[in-house]
Amino acid sequence: MNLALLQRLLAPILLTAGLLYSPLGALAQEAEFATDDEAVQQSEAAQRSEDDAEAEAMAESFRQLQRQMLRATAATLEDRLTQLSEQNGLYDLSLVEVQTDLGRIYRDLGDYDKAVDVLTQALHLVRLNSGLYDPQQIRILEELVEALFRQSDWDKVDDYQHLVFSLQKRSYAPDSPEFADAVLAMGRWQLASDRLGRTHGFQVIDQINEMKDLFNAQLEYARAREDVERQWSLVYASAMADLALARQYLRPDVNDMMITAQRYVTRTVCRNVSDGAGGISRVCWQESVPNPDYYYQVNNERRNRMDRARVSLTSARRQLEEILENNPEFASVHEEDTRIGLENLSRELRDLQRDSRMRMLGVW
């Protein structure tokens, strides 16, 4: 039999058995494998999407269950409040704890108006029975500040935050962990207030410097207590204060605060003018002009402030890294939070450097 004819007759069988190589057959097989890979990838993507949807559905179910439990708790507390009011009267101190818990529940439910209302009632009740400086007000005020913050009522947040801090200073020992937490909370509000643009210039610079002094004092106490968590929080808060302070010095409205040179100087200007009779007369007058030394000194002082801020922030980052290195257990437990904190610090420092270059048309 002709060999070519025999090969043609046996080719389908050999291809099927994989004993004969054919470029077209190989391509078809590769295409089949590629199709299988795509199908697997699509299947995996569909499975991930299904898993994500299931996880979101479970999370939503949990949130709904949580809200149902909060509503049930609120109803129980409302009934309890009614019972106590009927038994002991509307001005009895036994109402305060229930009102405080109820206010927190309302806040968690997102009903901020009710939360503020019931917490304000609790605050007035404590003052009525125990005076203006009773420490029992602290918890109520902290809950009230949180509710007002979520309500974005910044003026009232500021009023109550300062009020609670003044009570905390009266009630807590300067070297206590409770006062360290109070300083951190006050510092967070001061920095948030700065970011919201509520204060700036002389006022906020003084406030930030005062907070930095408090942070530094509390840091020494935390080190003496070997309180690693608060050491981290205080170093980080102090770094954020340095950033806020540096940004204030980039503002044009603090220029006069940084230097003593006058923005404008008076100089005598003379000019030859015609006297109308063919002659020339010299006329002189005084005028105010920008002082070049003023802008030179402003930029020089601003650059010095930015240099100090950069050094301070670099030192803070080094201290934070040393805390993690020397306390592996703390680093392990708070790994995610500390990582985010360090990344945020680096990002803020880069942003500050960029802003300062734009402001001064120079580099550090």
Protein backbone atom coordinates (compact mmCIF):
# COMPACT_ATOMS: atom_id res chain seq x y z
CA MET A 1 0.00 0.00 0.00
CA ASN A 2 1.16 3.54 -0.70
CA LEU A 3 2.82 4.94 2.51
CA ALA A 4 1.22 8.39 2.14
CA LEU A 5 -2.19 6.79 1.76
CA LEU A 6 -1.59 4.66 4.84
CA GLN A 7 -0.63 7.73 6.90
CA ARG A 8 -3.78 9.55 5.82
CA LEU A 9 -5.90 6.56 6.80
CA LEU A 10 -4.22 6.16 10.21
CA ALA A 11 -3.92 9.88 11.06
CA PRO A 12 -7.32 10.26 12.83
CA ILE A 13 -6.61 7.19 14.96
CA LEU A 14 -3.06 8.29 15.85
CA LEU A 15 -4.19 11.82 16.65
CA THR A 16 -6.88 10.47 18.91
CA ALA A 17 -4.35 8.24 20.65
CA GLY A 18 -1.85 11.13 20.93
CA LEU A 19 0.81 9.24 18.95
CA LEU A 20 1.07 11.65 16.02
CA TYR A 21 2.01 15.31 16.35
CA SER A 22 -0.02 17.77 14.35
CA PRO A 23 0.46 21.54 14.62
CA LEU A 24 -3.26 22.06 14.15
CA GLY A 25 -3.99 19.39 16.70
CA ALA A 26 -1.60 21.02 19.17
CA LEU A 27 -3.17 24.40 18.63
CA ALA A 28 -6.60 22.94 19.11
CA GLN A 29 -5.45 21.25 22.28
CA GLU A 30 -3.84 24.49 23.58
CA ALA A 31 -7.03 26.36 22.75
CA GLU A 32 -8.95 23.74 24.66
CA PHE A 33 -6.61 24.10 27.65
CA ALA A 34 -6.89 27.93 27.42
CA THR A 35 -10.64 27.64 27.31
CA ASP A 36 -10.48 25.42 30.37
CA ASP A 37 -8.25 27.98 32.20
CA GLU A 38 -10.64 30.81 31.36
CA ALA A 39 -13.54 28.71 32.54
CA VAL A 40 -11.73 27.98 35.81
CA GLN A 41 -10.90 31.67 36.29
CA GLN A 42 -14.49 32.68 35.56
CA SER A 43 -15.72 30.01 37.95
CA GLU A 44 -13.34 31.22 40.67
CA ALA A 45 -14.36 34.85 40.08
CA ALA A 46 -18.02 33.87 40.24
CA GLN A 47 -17.34 31.95 43.46
CA ARG A 48 -15.54 34.94 44.99
CA SER A 49 -18.37 37.22 43.98
CA GLU A 50 -20.85 34.79 45.48
CA ASP A 51 -18.79 34.54 48.67
CA ASP A 52 -18.57 38.36 48.91
CA ALA A 53 -22.30 38.68 48.39
CA GLU A 54 -22.93 36.03 51.03
CA ALA A 55 -20.55 37.76 53.47
CA GLU A 56 -22.25 41.12 52.87
CA ALA A 57 -25.66 39.52 53.35
CA MET A 58 -24.49 37.99 56.61
CA ALA A 59 -23.04 41.33 57.74
CA GLU A 60 -26.31 43.09 56.88
CA SER A 61 -28.27 40.44 58.79
CA PHE A 62 -25.97 40.97 61.76
CA ARG A 63 -26.44 44.75 61.58
CA GLN A 64 -30.21 44.34 61.48
CA LEU A 65 -30.11 41.95 64.43
CA GLN A 66 -27.90 44.39 66.32
CA ARG A 67 -30.33 47.24 65.66
CA GLN A 68 -33.24 45.09 66.81
CA MET A 69 -31.38 44.34 70.03
CA LEU A 70 -30.59 48.04 70.52
CA ARG A 71 -34.24 48.98 69.99
CA ALA A 72 -35.32 46.32 72.47
CA THR A 73 -32.78 47.62 74.99
CA ALA A 74 -33.97 51.20 74.43
CA ALA A 75 -37.59 50.14 75.06
CA THR A 76 -36.55 48.39 78.28
CA LEU A 77 -34.64 51.45 79.48
CA GLU A 78 -37.54 53.75 78.63
CA ASP A 79 -39.86 51.56 80.71
CA ARG A 80 -37.34 51.54 83.54
CA LEU A 81 -37.05 55.32 83.39
CA THR A 82 -40.81 55.67 83.63
CA GLN A 83 -40.95 53.34 86.64
CA LEU A 84 -38.18 55.19 88.48
CA SER A 85 -39.78 58.56 87.76
CA GLU A 86 -43.09 57.37 89.20
CA GLN A 87 -41.44 55.79 92.24
CA ASN A 88 -38.81 58.40 93.15
CA GLY A 89 -39.84 61.56 91.33
CA LEU A 90 -38.48 63.40 88.33
CA TYR A 91 -35.39 64.78 90.08
CA ASP A 92 -34.01 61.67 91.74
CA LEU A 93 -30.39 60.71 91.01
CA SER A 94 -31.43 57.12 90.30
CA LEU A 95 -32.60 58.35 86.90
CA VAL A 96 -29.13 59.47 85.81
CA GLU A 97 -27.56 56.09 85.09
CA VAL A 98 -30.59 54.94 83.10
CA GLN A 99 -30.67 58.22 81.15
CA THR A 100 -26.95 57.93 80.36
CA ASP A 101 -27.33 54.36 79.09
CA LEU A 102 -30.42 55.32 77.10
CA GLY A 103 -28.60 58.27 75.53
CA ARG A 104 -25.78 55.98 74.40
CA ILE A 105 -28.29 53.54 72.88
CA TYR A 106 -30.04 56.36 71.00
CA ARG A 107 -26.66 57.52 69.73
CA ASP A 108 -25.75 54.04 68.49
CA LEU A 109 -29.12 53.88 66.74
CA GLY A 110 -28.31 57.15 64.97
CA ASP A 111 -31.09 59.09 66.71
CA TYR A 112 -28.83 61.94 67.77
CA ASP A 113 -31.56 64.39 68.71
CA LYS A 114 -33.01 61.98 71.26
CA ALA A 115 -29.52 61.11 72.50
CA VAL A 116 -28.61 64.76 73.09
CA ASP A 117 -31.97 65.44 74.74
CA VAL A 118 -31.81 62.59 77.27
CA LEU A 119 -28.11 63.14 78.04
CA THR A 120 -28.72 66.84 78.62
CA GLN A 121 -31.49 65.89 81.06
CA ALA A 122 -29.07 63.62 82.90
CA LEU A 123 -26.45 66.40 83.04
CA HIS A 124 -28.91 68.92 84.51
CA LEU A 125 -30.11 66.34 87.02
CA VAL A 126 -26.57 65.71 88.32
CA ARG A 127 -25.88 69.44 88.58
CA LEU A 128 -29.16 70.01 90.39
CA ASN A 129 -28.41 67.34 92.98
CA SER A 130 -24.61 67.41 93.29
CA GLY A 131 -23.37 70.77 92.02
CA LEU A 132 -21.34 71.91 89.02
CA TYR A 133 -18.18 69.92 89.73
CA ASP A 134 -19.47 66.44 90.47
CA PRO A 135 -17.28 63.83 88.68
CA GLN A 136 -20.43 61.90 87.73
CA GLN A 137 -20.87 64.46 84.96
CA ILE A 138 -17.74 63.21 83.16
CA ARG A 139 -19.30 60.09 81.68
CA ILE A 140 -22.43 62.00 80.66
CA LEU A 141 -20.40 64.74 79.00
CA GLU A 142 -18.24 62.21 77.14
CA GLU A 143 -21.36 60.57 75.71
CA LEU A 144 -22.81 64.00 74.92
CA VAL A 145 -19.64 65.09 73.10
CA GLU A 146 -19.73 61.93 70.99
CA ALA A 147 -23.40 62.44 70.06
CA LEU A 148 -22.85 66.10 69.16
CA PHE A 149 -19.75 65.22 67.14
CA ARG A 150 -21.74 62.75 65.05
CA GLN A 151 -24.37 65.45 64.68
CA SER A 152 -21.65 67.88 63.43
CA ASP A 153 -22.69 70.52 65.98
CA TRP A 154 -19.14 71.86 66.29
CA ASP A 155 -19.83 74.81 68.57
CA LYS A 156 -21.50 72.62 71.18
CA VAL A 157 -18.83 69.95 70.80
CA ASP A 158 -16.23 72.60 71.60
CA ASP A 159 -18.15 73.88 74.62
CA TYR A 160 -18.75 70.46 76.14
CA GLN A 161 -15.27 69.12 75.31
CA HIS A 162 -13.67 71.99 77.21
CA LEU A 163 -16.16 71.50 80.05
CA VAL A 164 -15.45 67.79 80.43
CA PHE A 165 -11.70 68.40 80.25
CA SER A 166 -11.90 70.96 83.04
CA LEU A 167 -13.77 68.40 85.19
CA GLN A 168 -11.24 65.70 84.35
CA LYS A 169 -8.39 67.96 85.44
CA ARG A 170 -10.19 68.45 88.76
CA SER A 171 -11.03 64.77 89.22
CA TYR A 172 -8.02 62.78 87.97
CA ALA A 173 -4.48 62.67 89.28
CA PRO A 174 -1.99 64.20 86.82
CA ASP A 175 -0.04 60.92 86.57
CA SER A 176 -3.09 58.65 86.18
CA PRO A 177 -3.98 56.69 83.02
CA GLU A 178 -7.43 58.30 83.15
CA PHE A 179 -5.95 61.78 82.81
CA ALA A 180 -3.71 60.60 79.97
CA ASP A 181 -6.85 59.44 78.13
CA ALA A 182 -8.49 62.80 78.85
CA VAL A 183 -5.48 64.65 77.40
CA LEU A 184 -5.55 62.45 74.29
CA ALA A 185 -9.29 63.07 73.79
CA MET A 186 -8.84 66.82 74.18
CA GLY A 187 -5.91 66.77 71.78
CA ARG A 188 -7.88 64.86 69.16
CA TRP A 189 -10.63 67.46 69.33
CA GLN A 190 -8.16 70.36 69.08
CA LEU A 191 -6.61 68.83 65.96
CA ALA A 192 -10.02 68.03 64.48
CA SER A 193 -11.12 71.59 65.18
CA ASP A 194 -8.03 72.84 63.33
CA ARG A 195 -8.78 70.58 60.34
CA LEU A 196 -12.38 71.81 60.29
CA GLY A 197 -11.04 75.36 60.00
CA ARG A 198 -12.79 76.54 63.14
CA THR A 199 -9.65 78.10 64.59
CA HIS A 200 -6.41 79.27 63.08
CA GLY A 201 -3.55 81.69 63.47
CA PHE A 202 -2.59 82.88 66.94
CA GLN A 203 -5.36 81.03 68.76
CA VAL A 204 -4.72 77.57 67.39
CA ILE A 205 -0.92 77.92 67.63
CA ASP A 206 -1.24 78.67 71.35
CA GLN A 207 -3.67 75.76 71.80
CA ILE A 208 -1.43 73.30 69.97
CA ASN A 209 1.63 74.35 71.95
CA GLU A 210 -0.31 73.86 75.20
CA MET A 211 -1.44 70.42 74.07
CA LYS A 212 2.13 69.44 73.13
CA ASP A 213 3.26 70.35 76.65
CA LEU A 214 0.50 68.13 78.07
CA PHE A 215 1.42 65.28 75.70
CA ASN A 216 5.07 65.46 76.76
CA ALA A 217 4.20 65.48 80.47
CA GLN A 218 1.85 62.52 80.08
CA LEU A 219 4.45 60.66 78.04
CA GLU A 220 6.88 60.81 80.95
CA TYR A 221 4.20 59.43 83.29
CA ALA A 222 3.36 56.66 80.82
CA ARG A 223 7.01 55.67 80.58
CA ALA A 224 7.27 55.56 84.38
CA ARG A 225 4.19 53.28 84.46
CA GLU A 226 5.59 51.22 81.54
CA ASP A 227 2.27 51.89 79.85
CA VAL A 228 3.20 50.96 76.29
CA GLU A 229 -0.18 51.58 74.67
CA ARG A 230 -0.43 55.13 75.96
CA GLN A 231 3.21 55.79 75.11
CA TRP A 232 2.41 54.97 71.50
CA SER A 233 -0.76 57.09 71.52
CA LEU A 234 0.98 60.10 73.08
CA VAL A 235 3.99 60.02 70.74
CA TYR A 236 1.67 59.71 67.76
CA ALA A 237 -0.60 62.51 69.02
CA SER A 238 2.41 64.76 69.56
CA ALA A 239 3.54 64.08 65.98
CA MET A 240 0.10 65.03 64.68
CA ALA A 241 0.31 68.23 66.74
CA ASP A 242 3.67 69.03 65.12
CA LEU A 243 2.07 68.59 61.71
CA ALA A 244 -0.83 70.88 62.59
CA LEU A 245 1.56 73.48 63.99
CA ALA A 246 3.70 73.38 60.85
CA ARG A 247 0.64 73.87 58.66
CA GLN A 248 -0.32 76.92 60.68
CA TYR A 249 3.05 78.48 59.93
CA LEU A 250 2.37 78.02 56.22
CA ARG A 251 -0.68 80.28 56.47
CA PRO A 252 -0.23 83.84 55.20
CA ASP A 253 -2.11 85.32 58.16
CA VAL A 254 0.64 84.31 60.63
CA ASN A 255 3.42 86.11 58.76
CA ASP A 256 3.40 89.08 61.11
CA MET A 257 3.58 86.72 64.09
CA MET A 258 6.87 85.19 63.00
CA ILE A 259 9.00 88.30 62.47
CA THR A 260 9.33 91.89 63.61
CA ALA A 261 10.06 93.49 60.24
CA GLN A 262 7.38 95.80 58.81
CA ARG A 263 5.49 94.60 55.77
CA TYR A 264 5.61 98.09 54.20
CA VAL A 265 8.19 100.84 54.45
CA THR A 266 7.88 104.53 53.67
CA ARG A 267 10.26 106.00 51.19
CA THR A 268 10.77 109.36 49.57
CA VAL A 269 10.08 109.46 45.84
CA CYS A 270 11.25 112.41 43.72
CA ARG A 271 10.54 113.26 40.13
CA ASN A 272 11.46 116.09 37.75
CA VAL A 273 8.39 117.75 36.30
CA SER A 274 7.80 120.67 33.99
CA ASP A 275 6.93 123.95 35.73
CA GLY A 276 4.82 125.15 32.73
CA ALA A 277 7.24 127.94 31.90
CA GLY A 278 9.82 125.86 30.11
CA GLY A 279 11.69 125.03 33.27
CA ILE A 280 12.06 121.86 35.33
CA SER A 281 11.29 121.54 39.01
CA ARG A 282 11.89 118.60 41.32
CA VAL A 283 8.87 117.28 43.25
CA CYS A 284 9.22 114.80 46.14
CA TRP A 285 6.64 112.92 48.19
CA GLN A 286 6.33 110.01 50.62
CA GLU A 287 4.78 106.67 49.69
CA SER A 288 4.46 103.19 51.22
CA VAL A 289 6.02 100.31 49.32
CA PRO A 290 6.45 96.57 50.07
CA ASN A 291 9.48 95.81 52.21
CA PRO A 292 11.67 93.18 50.47
CA ASP A 293 13.32 92.31 53.80
CA TYR A 294 9.92 91.42 55.21
CA TYR A 295 9.24 88.67 52.66
CA TYR A 296 12.81 87.40 52.90
CA GLN A 297 12.53 87.11 56.68
CA VAL A 298 9.08 85.49 56.46
CA ASN A 299 10.28 82.80 54.08
CA ASN A 300 13.43 82.25 56.10
CA GLU A 301 11.47 81.88 59.34
CA ARG A 302 8.92 79.61 57.68
CA ARG A 303 11.71 77.42 56.33
CA ASN A 304 13.20 77.19 59.83
CA ARG A 305 9.81 76.16 61.23
CA MET A 306 9.42 73.48 58.56
CA ASP A 307 12.92 72.16 59.29
CA ARG A 308 12.06 71.87 62.97
CA ALA A 309 8.80 70.13 62.14
CA ARG A 310 10.58 67.66 59.86
CA VAL A 311 13.16 66.85 62.55
CA SER A 312 10.44 66.45 65.17
CA LEU A 313 8.34 64.16 62.96
CA THR A 314 11.35 62.06 62.00
CA SER A 315 12.16 61.69 65.70
CA ALA A 316 8.55 60.73 66.46
CA ARG A 317 8.58 58.04 63.80
CA ARG A 318 11.81 56.65 65.21
CA GLN A 319 10.30 56.58 68.71
CA LEU A 320 7.22 54.74 67.43
CA GLU A 321 9.37 52.16 65.66
CA GLU A 322 11.43 51.68 68.83
CA ILE A 323 8.25 51.11 70.85
CA LEU A 324 7.25 48.35 68.43
CA GLU A 325 10.73 46.84 68.40
CA ASN A 326 11.04 46.81 72.20
CA ASN A 327 7.50 45.53 72.81
CA PRO A 328 6.80 42.66 70.40
CA GLU A 329 3.64 41.60 72.20
CA PHE A 330 2.13 45.07 71.82
CA ALA A 331 3.30 45.17 68.19
CA SER A 332 1.62 41.84 67.49
CA VAL A 333 -1.70 42.73 69.13
CA HIS A 334 -1.87 46.18 67.50
CA GLU A 335 -0.15 45.29 64.23
CA GLU A 336 -2.83 46.69 61.92
CA ASP A 337 -3.41 49.94 63.85
CA THR A 338 0.29 50.71 64.24
CA ARG A 339 0.97 49.97 60.58
CA ILE A 340 -1.79 52.37 59.53
CA GLY A 341 -0.47 54.97 61.97
CA LEU A 342 3.06 54.84 60.60
CA GLU A 343 1.80 54.98 57.02
CA ASN A 344 -0.37 57.97 57.86
CA LEU A 345 2.54 59.74 59.52
CA SER A 346 4.74 59.21 56.45
CA ARG A 347 1.99 60.40 54.12
CA GLU A 348 1.32 63.51 56.18
CA LEU A 349 5.01 64.35 56.24
CA ARG A 350 5.21 64.03 52.44
CA ASP A 351 2.15 66.25 52.04
CA LEU A 352 3.63 68.84 54.37
CA GLN A 353 6.90 68.90 52.44
CA ARG A 354 4.99 69.33 49.18
CA ASP A 355 2.88 72.16 50.61
CA SER A 356 5.93 73.93 51.98
CA ARG A 357 7.71 73.73 48.62
CA MET A 358 4.67 75.20 46.90
CA ARG A 359 4.50 77.97 49.47
CA MET A 360 8.17 78.91 49.44
CA LEU A 361 9.20 77.76 45.97
CA GLY A 362 12.10 75.92 47.54
CA VAL A 363 12.97 72.61 49.13
CA TRP A 364 13.87 71.53 52.60
